[in-house]
Amino acid sequence: MCDAAHMSEQAIRVCVYCGSNEGSASAYATSARQLGSALANRGIGMVFGGGSVGLMGVAADAAMQAGGDVIGVITEQLVGAEVAHKALTRLEIVPTMHERKARLCELAAGFIVLPGGFGTVDEFAEMLTWNQLGIIAKPVVLLDVEGYWAPLFDWMDGAVAAGFVRPAHRMLAQRARNVDEAIALATSPVPDTPHKWLDRDPVRP
């Protein structure tokens, strides 16, 4: 679990979640490349899953080429499968996925989510839940490249309508249409939110 003890590290780094594949549209890799370069050019460190493949590799390579500070965190099991990136500022290898996600959180002040698959959604959902529970207070931003995340936003709106998610917590999942907006949101404070348990609210007439 990440905590305030790492604030000095968190203040200068953003975690990028993204696919270990590049996807079917060239816009995905283009956005990953733009994001990596933009973080480096702004003096913001990048933290990511440590792989050299897919959008992970594209974003990390772009950040490194622009002179950025890039830290990868990868599990022992994925070192071979995702071809651990060897040309980073630092690569940390941890035993489990739980430790990987916790370490990424420790290192980052905010999160930007590019298109990806199951693993990307898992990482996004865990950080969103930690915010909802008050474990962390860090911005979570989905970079919605060509409407990739639109169905997920529709589902979240449906969860609010069905009484499972507060509107205030739904807004913790922020939407960016371009790289500049994503970085601005990911480096801004998140608002205070109420507890997640709607059934504990006092009954109003």
N, C-alpha and C. Protein backbone atom coordinates (compact mmCIF):
# COMPACT_ATOMS: atom_id res chain seq x y z
N MET A 1 0.84 -1.19 0.00
CA MET A 1 0.00 0.00 0.00
C MET A 1 0.88 1.24 0.00
N CYS A 2 0.51 2.26 -0.77
CA CYS A 2 1.30 3.48 -0.79
C CYS A 2 0.82 4.43 0.28
N ASP A 3 1.71 5.29 0.75
CA ASP A 3 1.36 6.22 1.82
C ASP A 3 2.11 7.52 1.68
N ALA A 4 1.89 8.44 2.62
CA ALA A 4 2.45 9.78 2.55
C ALA A 4 3.95 9.81 2.77
N ALA A 5 4.55 8.71 3.20
CA ALA A 5 5.98 8.68 3.46
C ALA A 5 6.80 8.90 2.19
N HIS A 6 6.17 8.74 1.04
CA HIS A 6 6.89 8.86 -0.23
C HIS A 6 6.55 10.15 -0.97
N MET A 7 6.05 11.16 -0.28
CA MET A 7 5.59 12.37 -0.96
C MET A 7 6.70 13.05 -1.76
N SER A 8 7.95 12.96 -1.29
CA SER A 8 9.02 13.63 -2.02
C SER A 8 9.22 13.02 -3.39
N GLU A 9 9.00 11.70 -3.49
CA GLU A 9 9.09 11.05 -4.79
C GLU A 9 7.84 11.32 -5.61
N GLN A 10 6.66 11.24 -4.97
CA GLN A 10 5.41 11.38 -5.68
C GLN A 10 5.28 12.74 -6.35
N ALA A 11 5.85 13.76 -5.76
CA ALA A 11 5.61 15.13 -6.23
C ALA A 11 6.15 15.39 -7.63
N ILE A 12 7.03 14.54 -8.13
CA ILE A 12 7.66 14.83 -9.41
C ILE A 12 7.43 13.75 -10.46
N ARG A 13 6.56 12.79 -10.17
CA ARG A 13 6.36 11.69 -11.11
C ARG A 13 4.90 11.38 -11.35
N VAL A 14 4.60 10.97 -12.58
CA VAL A 14 3.26 10.51 -12.96
C VAL A 14 3.38 9.07 -13.43
N CYS A 15 2.46 8.23 -12.98
CA CYS A 15 2.42 6.84 -13.42
C CYS A 15 1.57 6.73 -14.68
N VAL A 16 2.10 6.03 -15.68
CA VAL A 16 1.39 5.81 -16.93
C VAL A 16 0.99 4.34 -17.02
N TYR A 17 -0.31 4.08 -17.06
CA TYR A 17 -0.82 2.74 -17.30
C TYR A 17 -1.19 2.63 -18.78
N CYS A 18 -0.81 1.53 -19.41
CA CYS A 18 -1.13 1.37 -20.84
C CYS A 18 -0.89 -0.07 -21.25
N GLY A 19 -1.26 -0.37 -22.49
CA GLY A 19 -1.21 -1.73 -22.98
C GLY A 19 0.19 -2.24 -23.27
N SER A 20 0.36 -3.55 -23.14
CA SER A 20 1.61 -4.21 -23.55
C SER A 20 1.55 -4.62 -25.02
N ASN A 21 0.46 -4.23 -25.69
CA ASN A 21 0.35 -4.27 -27.14
C ASN A 21 0.14 -2.85 -27.64
N GLU A 22 0.37 -2.61 -28.93
CA GLU A 22 0.20 -1.26 -29.46
C GLU A 22 -1.21 -0.98 -29.94
N GLY A 23 -2.03 -2.03 -30.07
CA GLY A 23 -3.40 -1.83 -30.51
C GLY A 23 -3.51 -1.69 -32.01
N SER A 24 -4.75 -1.61 -32.50
CA SER A 24 -5.01 -1.64 -33.94
C SER A 24 -4.99 -0.28 -34.61
N ALA A 25 -5.05 0.80 -33.82
CA ALA A 25 -5.06 2.15 -34.39
C ALA A 25 -3.73 2.84 -34.13
N SER A 26 -3.20 3.49 -35.14
CA SER A 26 -1.91 4.17 -34.99
C SER A 26 -1.99 5.31 -33.99
N ALA A 27 -3.19 5.83 -33.75
CA ALA A 27 -3.36 6.94 -32.81
C ALA A 27 -2.97 6.55 -31.40
N TYR A 28 -3.08 5.28 -31.04
CA TYR A 28 -2.72 4.84 -29.69
C TYR A 28 -1.22 5.04 -29.45
N ALA A 29 -0.40 4.55 -30.38
CA ALA A 29 1.05 4.70 -30.24
C ALA A 29 1.45 6.17 -30.35
N THR A 30 0.78 6.91 -31.21
CA THR A 30 1.08 8.34 -31.35
C THR A 30 0.85 9.06 -30.03
N SER A 31 -0.25 8.77 -29.36
CA SER A 31 -0.55 9.40 -28.08
C SER A 31 0.45 8.97 -27.01
N ALA A 32 0.84 7.69 -27.01
CA ALA A 32 1.82 7.22 -26.04
C ALA A 32 3.15 7.94 -26.23
N ARG A 33 3.54 8.11 -27.49
CA ARG A 33 4.78 8.81 -27.80
C ARG A 33 4.72 10.27 -27.37
N GLN A 34 3.61 10.91 -27.66
CA GLN A 34 3.43 12.31 -27.28
C GLN A 34 3.43 12.47 -25.76
N LEU A 35 2.81 11.54 -25.06
CA LEU A 35 2.75 11.63 -23.61
C LEU A 35 4.14 11.48 -23.00
N GLY A 36 4.89 10.48 -23.45
CA GLY A 36 6.24 10.30 -22.92
C GLY A 36 7.11 11.52 -23.13
N SER A 37 7.07 12.08 -24.33
CA SER A 37 7.86 13.27 -24.65
C SER A 37 7.41 14.47 -23.82
N ALA A 38 6.10 14.65 -23.70
CA ALA A 38 5.57 15.81 -22.98
C ALA A 38 5.92 15.77 -21.50
N LEU A 39 5.86 14.60 -20.88
CA LEU A 39 6.25 14.49 -19.48
C LEU A 39 7.71 14.88 -19.30
N ALA A 40 8.57 14.35 -20.15
CA ALA A 40 9.99 14.66 -20.06
C ALA A 40 10.26 16.15 -20.28
N ASN A 41 9.61 16.72 -21.26
CA ASN A 41 9.83 18.13 -21.57
C ASN A 41 9.35 19.06 -20.45
N ARG A 42 8.41 18.58 -19.63
CA ARG A 42 7.92 19.37 -18.50
C ARG A 42 8.70 19.09 -17.22
N GLY A 43 9.68 18.21 -17.30
CA GLY A 43 10.45 17.86 -16.11
C GLY A 43 9.70 16.96 -15.15
N ILE A 44 8.69 16.24 -15.66
CA ILE A 44 7.90 15.32 -14.84
C ILE A 44 8.39 13.90 -15.10
N GLY A 45 8.77 13.20 -14.05
CA GLY A 45 9.22 11.83 -14.20
C GLY A 45 8.08 10.91 -14.58
N MET A 46 8.41 9.84 -15.27
CA MET A 46 7.42 8.84 -15.68
C MET A 46 7.69 7.54 -14.94
N VAL A 47 6.63 6.95 -14.41
CA VAL A 47 6.68 5.63 -13.79
C VAL A 47 5.74 4.73 -14.59
N PHE A 48 6.14 3.50 -14.84
CA PHE A 48 5.29 2.61 -15.64
C PHE A 48 5.64 1.17 -15.34
N GLY A 49 4.99 0.24 -16.06
CA GLY A 49 5.10 -1.18 -15.76
C GLY A 49 6.38 -1.87 -16.15
N GLY A 50 7.33 -1.15 -16.73
CA GLY A 50 8.67 -1.69 -16.93
C GLY A 50 8.89 -2.53 -18.17
N GLY A 51 7.88 -2.68 -19.03
CA GLY A 51 8.05 -3.49 -20.23
C GLY A 51 8.55 -2.67 -21.40
N SER A 52 9.21 -3.34 -22.33
CA SER A 52 9.70 -2.66 -23.53
C SER A 52 8.76 -2.84 -24.71
N VAL A 53 7.65 -3.55 -24.50
CA VAL A 53 6.74 -3.88 -25.59
C VAL A 53 5.49 -3.01 -25.54
N GLY A 54 4.76 -2.95 -26.65
CA GLY A 54 3.49 -2.27 -26.72
C GLY A 54 3.58 -0.78 -26.43
N LEU A 55 2.46 -0.23 -25.96
CA LEU A 55 2.43 1.20 -25.65
C LEU A 55 3.36 1.54 -24.50
N MET A 56 3.61 0.57 -23.62
CA MET A 56 4.57 0.79 -22.53
C MET A 56 5.93 1.18 -23.08
N GLY A 57 6.42 0.38 -24.03
CA GLY A 57 7.72 0.66 -24.62
C GLY A 57 7.75 1.95 -25.41
N VAL A 58 6.66 2.23 -26.12
CA VAL A 58 6.59 3.46 -26.92
C VAL A 58 6.69 4.69 -26.03
N ALA A 59 5.90 4.73 -24.95
CA ALA A 59 5.90 5.88 -24.05
C ALA A 59 7.24 6.02 -23.35
N ALA A 60 7.79 4.91 -22.87
CA ALA A 60 9.07 4.96 -22.15
C ALA A 60 10.20 5.40 -23.07
N ASP A 61 10.24 4.87 -24.28
CA ASP A 61 11.29 5.26 -25.23
C ASP A 61 11.23 6.75 -25.53
N ALA A 62 10.01 7.26 -25.73
CA ALA A 62 9.85 8.67 -26.04
C ALA A 62 10.31 9.54 -24.89
N ALA A 63 9.99 9.15 -23.66
CA ALA A 63 10.41 9.92 -22.49
C ALA A 63 11.94 9.89 -22.34
N MET A 64 12.53 8.73 -22.53
CA MET A 64 13.99 8.62 -22.41
C MET A 64 14.69 9.43 -23.50
N GLN A 65 14.17 9.36 -24.72
CA GLN A 65 14.78 10.11 -25.83
C GLN A 65 14.71 11.61 -25.62
N ALA A 66 13.69 12.05 -24.85
CA ALA A 66 13.54 13.47 -24.56
C ALA A 66 14.31 13.88 -23.30
N GLY A 67 15.07 12.95 -22.75
CA GLY A 67 15.89 13.25 -21.57
C GLY A 67 15.16 13.13 -20.26
N GLY A 68 14.05 12.38 -20.23
CA GLY A 68 13.25 12.27 -19.03
C GLY A 68 13.77 11.25 -18.04
N ASP A 69 13.21 11.31 -16.84
CA ASP A 69 13.50 10.36 -15.77
C ASP A 69 12.41 9.29 -15.82
N VAL A 70 12.78 8.04 -16.06
CA VAL A 70 11.80 6.98 -16.25
C VAL A 70 12.13 5.80 -15.35
N ILE A 71 11.17 5.41 -14.53
CA ILE A 71 11.33 4.26 -13.65
C ILE A 71 10.31 3.19 -14.04
N GLY A 72 10.78 1.98 -14.24
CA GLY A 72 9.90 0.86 -14.52
C GLY A 72 9.83 -0.06 -13.32
N VAL A 73 8.64 -0.63 -13.10
CA VAL A 73 8.45 -1.61 -12.03
C VAL A 73 7.78 -2.83 -12.64
N ILE A 74 8.43 -3.97 -12.56
CA ILE A 74 7.94 -5.17 -13.24
C ILE A 74 8.11 -6.37 -12.32
N THR A 75 7.28 -7.40 -12.52
CA THR A 75 7.38 -8.60 -11.68
C THR A 75 8.42 -9.56 -12.27
N GLU A 76 8.89 -10.43 -11.40
CA GLU A 76 9.85 -11.45 -11.85
C GLU A 76 9.25 -12.29 -12.97
N GLN A 77 7.96 -12.62 -12.84
CA GLN A 77 7.29 -13.47 -13.84
C GLN A 77 7.19 -12.79 -15.20
N LEU A 78 7.07 -11.45 -15.21
CA LEU A 78 6.87 -10.72 -16.45
C LEU A 78 8.16 -10.21 -17.09
N VAL A 79 9.29 -10.42 -16.42
CA VAL A 79 10.55 -9.93 -16.98
C VAL A 79 10.77 -10.50 -18.37
N GLY A 80 10.50 -11.80 -18.54
CA GLY A 80 10.66 -12.41 -19.85
C GLY A 80 9.47 -12.18 -20.75
N ALA A 81 8.26 -12.31 -20.19
CA ALA A 81 7.04 -12.23 -21.01
C ALA A 81 6.86 -10.84 -21.61
N GLU A 82 7.12 -9.79 -20.85
CA GLU A 82 6.94 -8.43 -21.35
C GLU A 82 8.27 -7.79 -21.74
N VAL A 83 9.33 -8.58 -21.77
CA VAL A 83 10.66 -8.13 -22.20
C VAL A 83 11.02 -6.85 -21.44
N ALA A 84 11.51 -7.04 -20.23
CA ALA A 84 11.82 -5.90 -19.36
C ALA A 84 12.70 -4.89 -20.08
N HIS A 85 12.34 -3.63 -19.94
CA HIS A 85 13.05 -2.53 -20.61
C HIS A 85 14.41 -2.35 -19.95
N LYS A 86 15.46 -2.39 -20.72
CA LYS A 86 16.83 -2.33 -20.18
C LYS A 86 17.44 -0.94 -20.25
N ALA A 87 16.75 0.01 -20.86
CA ALA A 87 17.36 1.33 -21.08
C ALA A 87 16.58 2.43 -20.36
N LEU A 88 16.32 2.21 -19.07
CA LEU A 88 15.58 3.17 -18.28
C LEU A 88 16.50 3.85 -17.27
N THR A 89 15.98 4.89 -16.63
CA THR A 89 16.71 5.48 -15.52
C THR A 89 16.89 4.45 -14.42
N ARG A 90 15.82 3.68 -14.15
CA ARG A 90 15.88 2.62 -13.15
C ARG A 90 14.81 1.59 -13.43
N LEU A 91 15.15 0.32 -13.26
CA LEU A 91 14.17 -0.77 -13.38
C LEU A 91 14.14 -1.52 -12.06
N GLU A 92 12.96 -1.61 -11.47
CA GLU A 92 12.79 -2.35 -10.23
C GLU A 92 12.04 -3.64 -10.52
N ILE A 93 12.53 -4.74 -10.00
CA ILE A 93 11.90 -6.05 -10.19
C ILE A 93 11.36 -6.51 -8.84
N VAL A 94 10.05 -6.79 -8.80
CA VAL A 94 9.38 -7.18 -7.56
C VAL A 94 8.75 -8.56 -7.72
N PRO A 95 8.46 -9.23 -6.62
CA PRO A 95 7.95 -10.61 -6.72
C PRO A 95 6.53 -10.73 -7.25
N THR A 96 5.61 -9.83 -6.89
CA THR A 96 4.20 -10.05 -7.19
C THR A 96 3.56 -8.83 -7.84
N MET A 97 2.39 -9.07 -8.46
CA MET A 97 1.63 -7.97 -9.05
C MET A 97 1.14 -7.00 -7.99
N HIS A 98 0.80 -7.51 -6.81
CA HIS A 98 0.36 -6.63 -5.73
C HIS A 98 1.46 -5.64 -5.36
N GLU A 99 2.68 -6.16 -5.25
CA GLU A 99 3.81 -5.29 -4.91
C GLU A 99 4.12 -4.32 -6.05
N ARG A 100 3.93 -4.78 -7.27
CA ARG A 100 4.16 -3.90 -8.42
C ARG A 100 3.21 -2.69 -8.38
N LYS A 101 1.92 -2.97 -8.19
CA LYS A 101 0.94 -1.88 -8.18
C LYS A 101 1.18 -0.94 -6.99
N ALA A 102 1.51 -1.51 -5.84
CA ALA A 102 1.76 -0.66 -4.67
C ALA A 102 2.99 0.21 -4.88
N ARG A 103 4.02 -0.34 -5.49
CA ARG A 103 5.24 0.44 -5.71
C ARG A 103 5.02 1.54 -6.74
N LEU A 104 4.28 1.25 -7.80
CA LEU A 104 3.95 2.29 -8.78
C LEU A 104 3.21 3.43 -8.10
N CYS A 105 2.30 3.08 -7.20
CA CYS A 105 1.55 4.11 -6.48
C CYS A 105 2.46 4.92 -5.56
N GLU A 106 3.38 4.26 -4.89
CA GLU A 106 4.31 4.95 -4.00
C GLU A 106 5.13 6.00 -4.75
N LEU A 107 5.49 5.68 -5.97
CA LEU A 107 6.39 6.55 -6.74
C LEU A 107 5.67 7.70 -7.43
N ALA A 108 4.34 7.63 -7.55
CA ALA A 108 3.62 8.57 -8.40
C ALA A 108 2.72 9.51 -7.62
N ALA A 109 2.58 10.71 -8.16
CA ALA A 109 1.65 11.70 -7.60
C ALA A 109 0.30 11.64 -8.29
N GLY A 110 0.23 11.02 -9.46
CA GLY A 110 -1.00 10.90 -10.21
C GLY A 110 -0.86 9.83 -11.27
N PHE A 111 -1.97 9.54 -11.97
CA PHE A 111 -2.01 8.43 -12.92
C PHE A 111 -2.67 8.87 -14.23
N ILE A 112 -2.05 8.49 -15.33
CA ILE A 112 -2.64 8.70 -16.65
C ILE A 112 -2.81 7.33 -17.30
N VAL A 113 -4.02 7.07 -17.79
CA VAL A 113 -4.35 5.75 -18.34
C VAL A 113 -4.55 5.86 -19.84
N LEU A 114 -3.65 5.27 -20.59
CA LEU A 114 -3.77 5.16 -22.04
C LEU A 114 -4.58 3.91 -22.38
N PRO A 115 -4.97 3.73 -23.64
CA PRO A 115 -5.66 2.49 -24.01
C PRO A 115 -4.85 1.25 -23.62
N GLY A 116 -5.57 0.21 -23.26
CA GLY A 116 -4.95 -1.05 -22.88
C GLY A 116 -6.01 -2.10 -22.65
N GLY A 117 -5.59 -3.25 -22.15
CA GLY A 117 -6.50 -4.37 -21.96
C GLY A 117 -6.83 -4.62 -20.50
N PHE A 118 -6.95 -5.91 -20.13
CA PHE A 118 -7.38 -6.29 -18.79
C PHE A 118 -6.47 -5.70 -17.71
N GLY A 119 -5.14 -5.83 -17.91
CA GLY A 119 -4.21 -5.36 -16.90
C GLY A 119 -4.31 -3.86 -16.68
N THR A 120 -4.49 -3.11 -17.76
CA THR A 120 -4.61 -1.66 -17.66
C THR A 120 -5.86 -1.28 -16.88
N VAL A 121 -6.98 -1.97 -17.17
CA VAL A 121 -8.23 -1.69 -16.46
C VAL A 121 -8.10 -2.09 -14.99
N ASP A 122 -7.43 -3.19 -14.71
CA ASP A 122 -7.21 -3.62 -13.33
C ASP A 122 -6.45 -2.56 -12.54
N GLU A 123 -5.38 -2.04 -13.13
CA GLU A 123 -4.58 -1.02 -12.45
C GLU A 123 -5.39 0.25 -12.23
N PHE A 124 -6.08 0.68 -13.26
CA PHE A 124 -6.93 1.86 -13.16
C PHE A 124 -7.99 1.70 -12.07
N ALA A 125 -8.67 0.55 -12.07
CA ALA A 125 -9.76 0.32 -11.13
C ALA A 125 -9.26 0.29 -9.69
N GLU A 126 -8.09 -0.29 -9.47
CA GLU A 126 -7.57 -0.35 -8.10
C GLU A 126 -7.24 1.04 -7.57
N MET A 127 -6.60 1.86 -8.38
CA MET A 127 -6.27 3.21 -7.92
C MET A 127 -7.53 4.06 -7.73
N LEU A 128 -8.53 3.85 -8.58
CA LEU A 128 -9.79 4.56 -8.42
C LEU A 128 -10.47 4.15 -7.12
N THR A 129 -10.43 2.86 -6.80
CA THR A 129 -11.02 2.35 -5.58
C THR A 129 -10.28 2.86 -4.35
N TRP A 130 -8.96 2.92 -4.42
CA TRP A 130 -8.19 3.44 -3.29
C TRP A 130 -8.55 4.90 -3.02
N ASN A 131 -8.78 5.67 -4.09
CA ASN A 131 -9.25 7.04 -3.92
C ASN A 131 -10.64 7.07 -3.28
N GLN A 132 -11.51 6.21 -3.76
CA GLN A 132 -12.88 6.16 -3.25
C GLN A 132 -12.90 5.83 -1.76
N LEU A 133 -12.00 4.97 -1.33
CA LEU A 133 -11.94 4.54 0.07
C LEU A 133 -11.14 5.50 0.95
N GLY A 134 -10.51 6.49 0.33
CA GLY A 134 -9.71 7.43 1.11
C GLY A 134 -8.33 6.94 1.46
N ILE A 135 -7.89 5.85 0.83
CA ILE A 135 -6.54 5.33 1.08
C ILE A 135 -5.50 6.25 0.46
N ILE A 136 -5.81 6.79 -0.71
CA ILE A 136 -4.96 7.77 -1.38
C ILE A 136 -5.84 8.93 -1.84
N ALA A 137 -5.19 10.02 -2.20
CA ALA A 137 -5.89 11.15 -2.82
C ALA A 137 -5.02 11.62 -3.98
N LYS A 138 -5.09 10.88 -5.08
CA LYS A 138 -4.25 11.14 -6.24
C LYS A 138 -5.10 11.10 -7.50
N PRO A 139 -4.90 12.03 -8.42
CA PRO A 139 -5.73 12.08 -9.63
C PRO A 139 -5.54 10.87 -10.53
N VAL A 140 -6.65 10.40 -11.08
CA VAL A 140 -6.67 9.28 -12.02
C VAL A 140 -7.32 9.80 -13.30
N VAL A 141 -6.58 9.77 -14.41
CA VAL A 141 -7.03 10.39 -15.65
C VAL A 141 -6.99 9.38 -16.79
N LEU A 142 -8.11 9.20 -17.46
CA LEU A 142 -8.15 8.35 -18.65
C LEU A 142 -7.95 9.23 -19.88
N LEU A 143 -6.89 8.97 -20.63
CA LEU A 143 -6.64 9.67 -21.88
C LEU A 143 -7.45 8.96 -22.96
N ASP A 144 -8.55 9.58 -23.35
CA ASP A 144 -9.55 8.92 -24.19
C ASP A 144 -9.21 9.08 -25.67
N VAL A 145 -8.25 8.30 -26.12
CA VAL A 145 -7.78 8.37 -27.49
C VAL A 145 -8.83 7.78 -28.43
N GLU A 146 -9.35 8.60 -29.32
CA GLU A 146 -10.36 8.20 -30.30
C GLU A 146 -11.55 7.49 -29.66
N GLY A 147 -11.95 7.95 -28.48
CA GLY A 147 -13.12 7.40 -27.82
C GLY A 147 -12.95 6.01 -27.26
N TYR A 148 -11.69 5.57 -27.08
CA TYR A 148 -11.46 4.20 -26.61
C TYR A 148 -12.14 3.91 -25.27
N TRP A 149 -12.12 4.89 -24.36
CA TRP A 149 -12.66 4.67 -23.03
C TRP A 149 -14.15 5.03 -22.92
N ALA A 150 -14.79 5.43 -24.01
CA ALA A 150 -16.19 5.85 -23.94
C ALA A 150 -17.11 4.78 -23.34
N PRO A 151 -17.00 3.49 -23.71
CA PRO A 151 -17.88 2.49 -23.09
C PRO A 151 -17.67 2.37 -21.59
N LEU A 152 -16.43 2.57 -21.12
CA LEU A 152 -16.18 2.51 -19.68
C LEU A 152 -16.84 3.68 -18.95
N PHE A 153 -16.79 4.86 -19.55
CA PHE A 153 -17.47 6.00 -18.95
C PHE A 153 -18.99 5.78 -18.94
N ASP A 154 -19.52 5.17 -19.99
CA ASP A 154 -20.95 4.86 -20.02
C ASP A 154 -21.31 3.91 -18.88
N TRP A 155 -20.47 2.90 -18.65
CA TRP A 155 -20.72 1.95 -17.57
C TRP A 155 -20.67 2.65 -16.21
N MET A 156 -19.70 3.53 -16.02
CA MET A 156 -19.60 4.25 -14.74
C MET A 156 -20.83 5.13 -14.51
N ASP A 157 -21.31 5.79 -15.56
CA ASP A 157 -22.53 6.59 -15.43
C ASP A 157 -23.72 5.70 -15.07
N GLY A 158 -23.74 4.50 -15.66
CA GLY A 158 -24.81 3.55 -15.33
C GLY A 158 -24.73 3.08 -13.89
N ALA A 159 -23.50 2.92 -13.36
CA ALA A 159 -23.33 2.52 -11.96
C ALA A 159 -23.84 3.58 -11.01
N VAL A 160 -23.67 4.85 -11.39
CA VAL A 160 -24.23 5.95 -10.59
C VAL A 160 -25.76 5.89 -10.63
N ALA A 161 -26.32 5.75 -11.82
CA ALA A 161 -27.78 5.71 -11.97
C ALA A 161 -28.40 4.53 -11.22
N ALA A 162 -27.65 3.43 -11.13
CA ALA A 162 -28.15 2.23 -10.45
C ALA A 162 -27.94 2.27 -8.94
N GLY A 163 -27.31 3.32 -8.43
CA GLY A 163 -27.16 3.47 -6.99
C GLY A 163 -25.98 2.75 -6.38
N PHE A 164 -24.96 2.42 -7.19
CA PHE A 164 -23.78 1.74 -6.67
C PHE A 164 -22.58 2.67 -6.48
N VAL A 165 -22.60 3.81 -7.12
CA VAL A 165 -21.47 4.74 -7.07
C VAL A 165 -22.01 6.15 -6.88
N ARG A 166 -21.38 6.90 -5.99
CA ARG A 166 -21.77 8.30 -5.80
C ARG A 166 -21.33 9.13 -7.02
N PRO A 167 -22.09 10.15 -7.39
CA PRO A 167 -21.64 11.05 -8.46
C PRO A 167 -20.27 11.64 -8.17
N ALA A 168 -19.98 11.98 -6.91
CA ALA A 168 -18.67 12.55 -6.56
C ALA A 168 -17.54 11.56 -6.82
N HIS A 169 -17.81 10.27 -6.60
CA HIS A 169 -16.78 9.26 -6.84
C HIS A 169 -16.66 8.96 -8.33
N ARG A 170 -17.75 9.01 -9.05
CA ARG A 170 -17.69 8.86 -10.51
C ARG A 170 -16.74 9.90 -11.11
N MET A 171 -16.75 11.11 -10.56
CA MET A 171 -15.92 12.19 -11.10
C MET A 171 -14.44 12.02 -10.77
N LEU A 172 -14.12 11.06 -9.89
CA LEU A 172 -12.71 10.77 -9.63
C LEU A 172 -12.03 10.16 -10.86
N ALA A 173 -12.82 9.53 -11.73
CA ALA A 173 -12.30 9.03 -13.00
C ALA A 173 -12.39 10.15 -14.02
N GLN A 174 -11.29 10.89 -14.18
CA GLN A 174 -11.31 12.08 -15.01
C GLN A 174 -10.99 11.73 -16.47
N ARG A 175 -11.58 12.51 -17.37
CA ARG A 175 -11.45 12.22 -18.80
C ARG A 175 -10.66 13.35 -19.47
N ALA A 176 -9.64 12.96 -20.23
CA ALA A 176 -8.84 13.93 -20.99
C ALA A 176 -8.92 13.59 -22.46
N ARG A 177 -9.01 14.62 -23.29
CA ARG A 177 -9.10 14.42 -24.74
C ARG A 177 -7.76 14.51 -25.43
N ASN A 178 -6.74 15.07 -24.73
CA ASN A 178 -5.42 15.20 -25.33
C ASN A 178 -4.35 15.13 -24.24
N VAL A 179 -3.11 15.05 -24.66
CA VAL A 179 -1.99 14.86 -23.74
C VAL A 179 -1.85 16.03 -22.77
N ASP A 180 -1.94 17.25 -23.27
CA ASP A 180 -1.79 18.41 -22.39
C ASP A 180 -2.84 18.42 -21.29
N GLU A 181 -4.08 18.10 -21.64
CA GLU A 181 -5.15 18.06 -20.65
C GLU A 181 -4.91 16.95 -19.64
N ALA A 182 -4.44 15.80 -20.12
CA ALA A 182 -4.18 14.67 -19.23
C ALA A 182 -3.11 15.02 -18.20
N ILE A 183 -2.04 15.66 -18.63
CA ILE A 183 -0.96 16.02 -17.70
C ILE A 183 -1.44 17.07 -16.70
N ALA A 184 -2.21 18.04 -17.18
CA ALA A 184 -2.73 19.07 -16.29
C ALA A 184 -3.61 18.46 -15.20
N LEU A 185 -4.49 17.54 -15.57
CA LEU A 185 -5.37 16.90 -14.60
C LEU A 185 -4.60 16.00 -13.64
N ALA A 186 -3.61 15.28 -14.17
CA ALA A 186 -2.86 14.32 -13.36
C ALA A 186 -1.91 14.99 -12.37
N THR A 187 -1.66 16.26 -12.54
CA THR A 187 -0.76 16.98 -11.64
C THR A 187 -1.51 18.01 -10.80
N SER A 188 -2.84 17.90 -10.77
CA SER A 188 -3.67 18.79 -9.96
C SER A 188 -4.28 18.02 -8.79
N PRO A 189 -4.59 18.69 -7.68
CA PRO A 189 -5.19 18.00 -6.54
C PRO A 189 -6.57 17.44 -6.88
N VAL A 190 -6.94 16.38 -6.18
CA VAL A 190 -8.29 15.84 -6.31
C VAL A 190 -9.17 16.42 -5.21
N PRO A 191 -10.45 16.62 -5.46
CA PRO A 191 -11.33 17.18 -4.43
C PRO A 191 -11.63 16.17 -3.33
N ASP A 192 -11.95 16.69 -2.13
CA ASP A 192 -12.41 15.81 -1.06
C ASP A 192 -13.73 15.16 -1.47
N THR A 193 -13.91 13.91 -1.09
CA THR A 193 -15.15 13.21 -1.41
C THR A 193 -15.71 12.54 -0.16
N PRO A 194 -17.01 12.27 -0.12
CA PRO A 194 -17.61 11.60 1.04
C PRO A 194 -17.29 10.11 1.05
N HIS A 195 -17.70 9.42 2.11
CA HIS A 195 -17.52 7.97 2.16
C HIS A 195 -18.33 7.32 1.05
N LYS A 196 -17.98 6.07 0.72
CA LYS A 196 -18.58 5.41 -0.43
C LYS A 196 -19.93 4.75 -0.14
N TRP A 197 -20.30 4.57 1.13
CA TRP A 197 -21.46 3.74 1.47
C TRP A 197 -22.74 4.56 1.45
N LEU A 198 -23.44 4.54 0.35
CA LEU A 198 -24.68 5.31 0.20
C LEU A 198 -25.74 4.87 1.21
N ASP A 199 -25.76 3.58 1.56
CA ASP A 199 -26.79 3.06 2.47
C ASP A 199 -26.62 3.62 3.88
N ARG A 200 -25.46 4.21 4.18
CA ARG A 200 -25.25 4.77 5.52
C ARG A 200 -25.69 6.24 5.60
N ASP A 201 -26.05 6.82 4.50
CA ASP A 201 -26.51 8.21 4.52
C ASP A 201 -27.82 8.30 5.29
N PRO A 202 -28.04 9.42 5.99
CA PRO A 202 -29.32 9.57 6.67
C PRO A 202 -30.47 9.62 5.67
N VAL A 203 -31.58 9.05 6.05
CA VAL A 203 -32.75 9.02 5.17
C VAL A 203 -33.35 10.41 5.15
N ARG A 204 -33.59 10.94 3.96
CA ARG A 204 -34.16 12.26 3.81
C ARG A 204 -35.61 12.13 3.32
N PRO A 205 -36.51 12.99 3.83
CA PRO A 205 -37.91 12.92 3.38
C PRO A 205 -38.03 13.31 1.92
